[in-house]
């Protein structure tokens, strides 16, 4: 089965809707509305849990085996502003979202150390960019400091000044340090076909 761009968008949309619907709980007591709104965890509720998943890590650590929890330190809002500044090709603004030194794990392999200063010139060879997020999920390891990671599903199109085009569907992990700066990016890509 060949996945099309529309099929991926439908899957991501269905996932987001499922998360939204699953996070709303309405409780009735003798026909009267008792509560509505955000999910409130409890062992009697089968719809959702306050923790989930499991951290394995790349090696044994004190965090191995712990579940994840949602993080809410403003990571999504930071990334929304980052995407807007990126699409406006504002290198100075984009640099401000990153730690002075950060790590990039490219989809093509390899890991490089970068600086926030590097980001100021990221648009020098580009004519235009369009980067559209589909979903952002911020999480952290349970019972640890507030450093977090955000999984972002998106599509990006870059048009270079020489006319060549780079267009991909992306899954990226943005890691946030304790100061709320991006300290690492891990990237996975899929070609966007002309279909």
C-alpha atoms as a PDB file:
ATOM      1  CA  UNK A   1       0.000   0.000   0.000  1.00  0.00           C
ATOM      2  CA  UNK A   2       1.423   3.363  -1.008  1.00  0.00           C
ATOM      3  CA  UNK A   3       0.832   6.205   1.438  1.00  0.00           C
ATOM      4  CA  UNK A   4      -0.073   9.503  -0.139  1.00  0.00           C
ATOM      5  CA  UNK A   5       0.397  12.921   1.382  1.00  0.00           C
ATOM      6  CA  UNK A   6      -3.377  13.135   1.886  1.00  0.00           C
ATOM      7  CA  UNK A   7      -3.449   9.776   3.696  1.00  0.00           C
ATOM      8  CA  UNK A   8      -0.733  10.948   6.072  1.00  0.00           C
ATOM      9  CA  UNK A   9      -2.592  14.229   6.691  1.00  0.00           C
ATOM     10  CA  UNK A  10      -5.791  12.259   7.370  1.00  0.00           C
ATOM     11  CA  UNK A  11      -3.989   9.974   9.835  1.00  0.00           C
ATOM     12  CA  UNK A  12      -2.401  12.899  11.676  1.00  0.00           C
ATOM     13  CA  UNK A  13      -5.749  14.734  11.719  1.00  0.00           C
ATOM     14  CA  UNK A  14      -7.529  11.667  13.082  1.00  0.00           C
ATOM     15  CA  UNK A  15      -4.841  11.270  15.752  1.00  0.00           C
ATOM     16  CA  UNK A  16      -5.200  14.902  16.852  1.00  0.00           C
ATOM     17  CA  UNK A  17      -9.008  14.641  16.952  1.00  0.00           C
ATOM     18  CA  UNK A  18      -8.750  11.410  18.957  1.00  0.00           C
ATOM     19  CA  UNK A  19      -6.448  13.087  21.482  1.00  0.00           C
ATOM     20  CA  UNK A  20      -8.806  16.068  21.799  1.00  0.00           C
ATOM     21  CA  UNK A  21     -11.938  13.946  22.175  1.00  0.00           C
ATOM     22  CA  UNK A  22     -10.174  11.569  24.568  1.00  0.00           C
ATOM     23  CA  UNK A  23      -9.153  14.462  26.799  1.00  0.00           C
ATOM     24  CA  UNK A  24     -12.735  15.676  27.418  1.00  0.00           C
ATOM     25  CA  UNK A  25     -14.770  14.034  30.144  1.00  0.00           C
ATOM     26  CA  UNK A  26     -18.419  14.744  30.830  1.00  0.00           C
ATOM     27  CA  UNK A  27     -19.910  13.301  34.004  1.00  0.00           C
ATOM     28  CA  UNK A  28     -23.653  12.987  34.703  1.00  0.00           C
ATOM     29  CA  UNK A  29     -25.318  12.503  38.094  1.00  0.00           C
ATOM     30  CA  UNK A  30     -29.053  11.679  37.970  1.00  0.00           C
ATOM     31  CA  UNK A  31     -29.433  13.507  34.661  1.00  0.00           C
ATOM     32  CA  UNK A  32     -27.586  16.645  35.803  1.00  0.00           C
ATOM     33  CA  UNK A  33     -24.203  17.637  34.393  1.00  0.00           C
ATOM     34  CA  UNK A  34     -21.677  16.994  37.149  1.00  0.00           C
ATOM     35  CA  UNK A  35     -18.417  17.991  35.399  1.00  0.00           C
ATOM     36  CA  UNK A  36     -17.061  18.747  31.945  1.00  0.00           C
ATOM     37  CA  UNK A  37     -13.692  19.803  30.696  1.00  0.00           C
ATOM     38  CA  UNK A  38     -10.155  18.533  30.978  1.00  0.00           C
ATOM     39  CA  UNK A  39      -9.584  14.911  31.868  1.00  0.00           C
ATOM     40  CA  UNK A  40      -9.006  14.306  35.527  1.00  0.00           C
ATOM     41  CA  UNK A  41      -7.030  11.099  36.099  1.00  0.00           C
ATOM     42  CA  UNK A  42      -8.117   8.361  38.379  1.00  0.00           C
ATOM     43  CA  UNK A  43      -7.739   4.640  38.646  1.00  0.00           C
ATOM     44  CA  UNK A  44     -11.422   4.085  37.770  1.00  0.00           C
ATOM     45  CA  UNK A  45     -11.124   5.858  34.415  1.00  0.00           C
ATOM     46  CA  UNK A  46     -10.376   3.661  31.407  1.00  0.00           C
ATOM     47  CA  UNK A  47     -10.153   6.518  28.876  1.00  0.00           C
ATOM     48  CA  UNK A  48      -6.767   7.951  29.749  1.00  0.00           C
ATOM     49  CA  UNK A  49      -3.875   7.897  32.148  1.00  0.00           C
ATOM     50  CA  UNK A  50      -1.750  10.723  33.507  1.00  0.00           C
ATOM     51  CA  UNK A  51       1.434   8.836  32.551  1.00  0.00           C
ATOM     52  CA  UNK A  52       2.213   6.532  29.680  1.00  0.00           C
ATOM     53  CA  UNK A  53       4.815   4.991  27.466  1.00  0.00           C
ATOM     54  CA  UNK A  54       8.233   4.041  28.711  1.00  0.00           C
ATOM     55  CA  UNK A  55      11.685   5.600  28.469  1.00  0.00           C
ATOM     56  CA  UNK A  56      14.395   3.140  27.480  1.00  0.00           C
ATOM     57  CA  UNK A  57      17.262   5.463  26.516  1.00  0.00           C
ATOM     58  CA  UNK A  58      20.328   4.616  24.483  1.00  0.00           C
ATOM     59  CA  UNK A  59      21.940   3.084  27.545  1.00  0.00           C
ATOM     60  CA  UNK A  60      21.046   2.240  31.120  1.00  0.00           C
ATOM     61  CA  UNK A  61      20.389   5.267  33.324  1.00  0.00           C
ATOM     62  CA  UNK A  62      18.472   6.270  36.422  1.00  0.00           C
ATOM     63  CA  UNK A  63      15.591   7.275  34.105  1.00  0.00           C
ATOM     64  CA  UNK A  64      15.289   3.910  32.322  1.00  0.00           C
ATOM     65  CA  UNK A  65      11.852   2.381  32.707  1.00  0.00           C
ATOM     66  CA  UNK A  66      10.082   5.589  33.723  1.00  0.00           C
ATOM     67  CA  UNK A  67       6.888   6.635  31.932  1.00  0.00           C
ATOM     68  CA  UNK A  68       6.312   9.936  30.142  1.00  0.00           C
ATOM     69  CA  UNK A  69       4.000  12.805  31.053  1.00  0.00           C
ATOM     70  CA  UNK A  70       2.867  15.763  28.976  1.00  0.00           C
ATOM     71  CA  UNK A  71       5.017  18.840  29.409  1.00  0.00           C
ATOM     72  CA  UNK A  72       3.528  22.317  29.469  1.00  0.00           C
ATOM     73  CA  UNK A  73       6.306  24.875  29.744  1.00  0.00           C
ATOM     74  CA  UNK A  74       5.169  26.758  26.656  1.00  0.00           C
ATOM     75  CA  UNK A  75       7.057  24.558  24.192  1.00  0.00           C
ATOM     76  CA  UNK A  76       4.187  24.470  21.685  1.00  0.00           C
ATOM     77  CA  UNK A  77       3.772  28.257  21.772  1.00  0.00           C
ATOM     78  CA  UNK A  78       7.546  28.683  21.344  1.00  0.00           C
ATOM     79  CA  UNK A  79       7.545  26.352  18.334  1.00  0.00           C
ATOM     80  CA  UNK A  80       4.541  28.123  16.780  1.00  0.00           C
ATOM     81  CA  UNK A  81       6.466  31.418  16.954  1.00  0.00           C
ATOM     82  CA  UNK A  82       9.587  29.655  15.686  1.00  0.00           C
ATOM     83  CA  UNK A  83       7.673  28.304  12.655  1.00  0.00           C
ATOM     84  CA  UNK A  84       6.293  31.804  11.909  1.00  0.00           C
ATOM     85  CA  UNK A  85       9.753  33.413  12.109  1.00  0.00           C
ATOM     86  CA  UNK A  86      11.222  30.572  10.032  1.00  0.00           C
ATOM     87  CA  UNK A  87       8.579  31.056   7.328  1.00  0.00           C
ATOM     88  CA  UNK A  88       9.337  34.811   7.384  1.00  0.00           C
ATOM     89  CA  UNK A  89      13.007  33.864   6.850  1.00  0.00           C
ATOM     90  CA  UNK A  90      14.061  35.897   9.892  1.00  0.00           C
ATOM     91  CA  UNK A  91      17.426  34.360  10.782  1.00  0.00           C
ATOM     92  CA  UNK A  92      18.006  36.709  13.700  1.00  0.00           C
ATOM     93  CA  UNK A  93      14.695  35.718  15.324  1.00  0.00           C
ATOM     94  CA  UNK A  94      15.204  32.005  14.563  1.00  0.00           C
ATOM     95  CA  UNK A  95      18.623  32.090  16.262  1.00  0.00           C
ATOM     96  CA  UNK A  96      16.953  33.280  19.481  1.00  0.00           C
ATOM     97  CA  UNK A  97      15.046  30.015  19.919  1.00  0.00           C
ATOM     98  CA  UNK A  98      18.232  27.943  20.176  1.00  0.00           C
ATOM     99  CA  UNK A  99      20.710  27.375  23.000  1.00  0.00           C
ATOM    100  CA  UNK A 100      24.137  28.899  22.380  1.00  0.00           C
ATOM    101  CA  UNK A 101      25.333  25.394  21.454  1.00  0.00           C
ATOM    102  CA  UNK A 102      22.986  22.651  20.291  1.00  0.00           C
ATOM    103  CA  UNK A 103      23.048  19.242  18.581  1.00  0.00           C
ATOM    104  CA  UNK A 104      21.563  18.362  15.190  1.00  0.00           C
ATOM    105  CA  UNK A 105      20.974  14.735  14.200  1.00  0.00           C
ATOM    106  CA  UNK A 106      20.265  14.858  10.472  1.00  0.00           C
ATOM    107  CA  UNK A 107      17.914  12.516   8.663  1.00  0.00           C
ATOM    108  CA  UNK A 108      20.755  11.713   6.284  1.00  0.00           C
ATOM    109  CA  UNK A 109      22.849  10.461   9.202  1.00  0.00           C
ATOM    110  CA  UNK A 110      25.471  11.984  11.370  1.00  0.00           C
ATOM    111  CA  UNK A 111      25.404  14.351  14.290  1.00  0.00           C
ATOM    112  CA  UNK A 112      26.768  17.869  14.276  1.00  0.00           C
ATOM    113  CA  UNK A 113      27.270  20.504  16.917  1.00  0.00           C
ATOM    114  CA  UNK A 114      25.819  23.863  15.972  1.00  0.00           C
ATOM    115  CA  UNK A 115      25.486  27.298  17.525  1.00  0.00           C
ATOM    116  CA  UNK A 116      22.618  29.739  17.668  1.00  0.00           C
ATOM    117  CA  UNK A 117      24.831  32.102  15.618  1.00  0.00           C
ATOM    118  CA  UNK A 118      24.817  29.513  12.787  1.00  0.00           C
ATOM    119  CA  UNK A 119      21.068  29.978  12.464  1.00  0.00           C
ATOM    120  CA  UNK A 120      21.350  33.647  11.487  1.00  0.00           C
ATOM    121  CA  UNK A 121      22.609  32.715   8.022  1.00  0.00           C
ATOM    122  CA  UNK A 122      20.336  29.701   7.435  1.00  0.00           C
ATOM    123  CA  UNK A 123      18.294  31.513   4.769  1.00  0.00           C
ATOM    124  CA  UNK A 124      21.219  32.957   2.765  1.00  0.00           C
ATOM    125  CA  UNK A 125      20.890  30.393  -0.057  1.00  0.00           C
ATOM    126  CA  UNK A 126      17.075  30.245  -0.023  1.00  0.00           C
ATOM    127  CA  UNK A 127      14.520  32.113  -2.083  1.00  0.00           C
ATOM    128  CA  UNK A 128      11.517  30.968   0.003  1.00  0.00           C
ATOM    129  CA  UNK A 129      10.411  28.478   2.659  1.00  0.00           C
ATOM    130  CA  UNK A 130       7.062  27.058   3.718  1.00  0.00           C
ATOM    131  CA  UNK A 131       7.024  24.931   6.856  1.00  0.00           C
ATOM    132  CA  UNK A 132       3.626  23.693   8.030  1.00  0.00           C
ATOM    133  CA  UNK A 133       3.136  21.797  11.298  1.00  0.00           C
ATOM    134  CA  UNK A 134       0.431  19.117  11.559  1.00  0.00           C
ATOM    135  CA  UNK A 135       0.863  18.255  15.240  1.00  0.00           C
ATOM    136  CA  UNK A 136       3.116  18.938  18.225  1.00  0.00           C
ATOM    137  CA  UNK A 137       3.279  16.698  21.299  1.00  0.00           C
ATOM    138  CA  UNK A 138       5.419  17.915  24.242  1.00  0.00           C
ATOM    139  CA  UNK A 139       6.517  15.269  26.749  1.00  0.00           C
ATOM    140  CA  UNK A 140       9.057  14.730  29.504  1.00  0.00           C
ATOM    141  CA  UNK A 141      10.215  11.780  31.549  1.00  0.00           C
ATOM    142  CA  UNK A 142       8.132  11.373  34.716  1.00  0.00           C
ATOM    143  CA  UNK A 143       9.639  12.666  37.973  1.00  0.00           C
ATOM    144  CA  UNK A 144      12.648  14.459  36.445  1.00  0.00           C
ATOM    145  CA  UNK A 145      13.679  18.061  35.879  1.00  0.00           C
ATOM    146  CA  UNK A 146      11.544  20.032  33.394  1.00  0.00           C
ATOM    147  CA  UNK A 147      13.792  19.444  30.345  1.00  0.00           C
ATOM    148  CA  UNK A 148      11.430  18.192  27.631  1.00  0.00           C
ATOM    149  CA  UNK A 149      11.044  17.057  24.059  1.00  0.00           C
ATOM    150  CA  UNK A 150       8.412  17.851  21.445  1.00  0.00           C
ATOM    151  CA  UNK A 151       7.555  15.513  18.579  1.00  0.00           C
ATOM    152  CA  UNK A 152       6.534  17.604  15.572  1.00  0.00           C
ATOM    153  CA  UNK A 153       4.900  16.233  12.414  1.00  0.00           C
ATOM    154  CA  UNK A 154       5.198  18.702   9.537  1.00  0.00           C
ATOM    155  CA  UNK A 155       5.885  19.344   5.867  1.00  0.00           C
ATOM    156  CA  UNK A 156       8.526  21.719   4.588  1.00  0.00           C
ATOM    157  CA  UNK A 157       9.308  23.151   1.188  1.00  0.00           C
ATOM    158  CA  UNK A 158      12.504  25.105   0.516  1.00  0.00           C
ATOM    159  CA  UNK A 159      13.115  26.843  -2.790  1.00  0.00           C
ATOM    160  CA  UNK A 160      16.804  27.573  -3.277  1.00  0.00           C
ATOM    161  CA  UNK A 161      18.080  30.643  -5.123  1.00  0.00           C
ATOM    162  CA  UNK A 162      19.399  28.313  -7.848  1.00  0.00           C
ATOM    163  CA  UNK A 163      15.812  27.075  -8.442  1.00  0.00           C
ATOM    164  CA  UNK A 164      16.172  23.624  -6.866  1.00  0.00           C
ATOM    165  CA  UNK A 165      13.424  22.535  -4.486  1.00  0.00           C
ATOM    166  CA  UNK A 166      13.678  20.512  -1.261  1.00  0.00           C
ATOM    167  CA  UNK A 167      10.251  19.250  -0.162  1.00  0.00           C
ATOM    168  CA  UNK A 168       9.722  16.665   2.593  1.00  0.00           C
ATOM    169  CA  UNK A 169       7.317  15.327   5.180  1.00  0.00           C
ATOM    170  CA  UNK A 170       9.106  15.535   8.518  1.00  0.00           C
ATOM    171  CA  UNK A 171       9.030  13.988  11.961  1.00  0.00           C
ATOM    172  CA  UNK A 172      11.335  15.933  14.226  1.00  0.00           C
ATOM    173  CA  UNK A 173      12.136  15.819  17.908  1.00  0.00           C
ATOM    174  CA  UNK A 174      12.906  19.222  19.403  1.00  0.00           C
ATOM    175  CA  UNK A 175      14.639  18.987  22.774  1.00  0.00           C
ATOM    176  CA  UNK A 176      14.226  21.897  25.194  1.00  0.00           C
ATOM    177  CA  UNK A 177      16.731  22.665  27.943  1.00  0.00           C
ATOM    178  CA  UNK A 178      15.918  24.052  31.392  1.00  0.00           C
ATOM    179  CA  UNK A 179      15.982  27.624  30.047  1.00  0.00           C
ATOM    180  CA  UNK A 180      13.341  26.816  27.411  1.00  0.00           C
ATOM    181  CA  UNK A 181      15.818  26.928  24.501  1.00  0.00           C
ATOM    182  CA  UNK A 182      16.113  24.292  21.776  1.00  0.00           C
ATOM    183  CA  UNK A 183      19.154  22.206  22.734  1.00  0.00           C
ATOM    184  CA  UNK A 184      18.814  19.517  20.088  1.00  0.00           C
ATOM    185  CA  UNK A 185      16.915  18.489  16.970  1.00  0.00           C
ATOM    186  CA  UNK A 186      16.589  14.941  15.662  1.00  0.00           C
ATOM    187  CA  UNK A 187      15.122  14.703  12.157  1.00  0.00           C
ATOM    188  CA  UNK A 188      13.415  12.005  10.075  1.00  0.00           C
ATOM    189  CA  UNK A 189      12.146  12.662   6.538  1.00  0.00           C
ATOM    190  CA  UNK A 190      10.044  11.159   3.771  1.00  0.00           C
ATOM    191  CA  UNK A 191      10.030  12.345   0.190  1.00  0.00           C
ATOM    192  CA  UNK A 192       6.858  14.028  -0.988  1.00  0.00           C
ATOM    193  CA  UNK A 193       5.783  12.488  -4.261  1.00  0.00           C
ATOM    194  CA  UNK A 194       4.140  14.421  -7.060  1.00  0.00           C
ATOM    195  CA  UNK A 195       0.929  12.381  -6.700  1.00  0.00           C
END
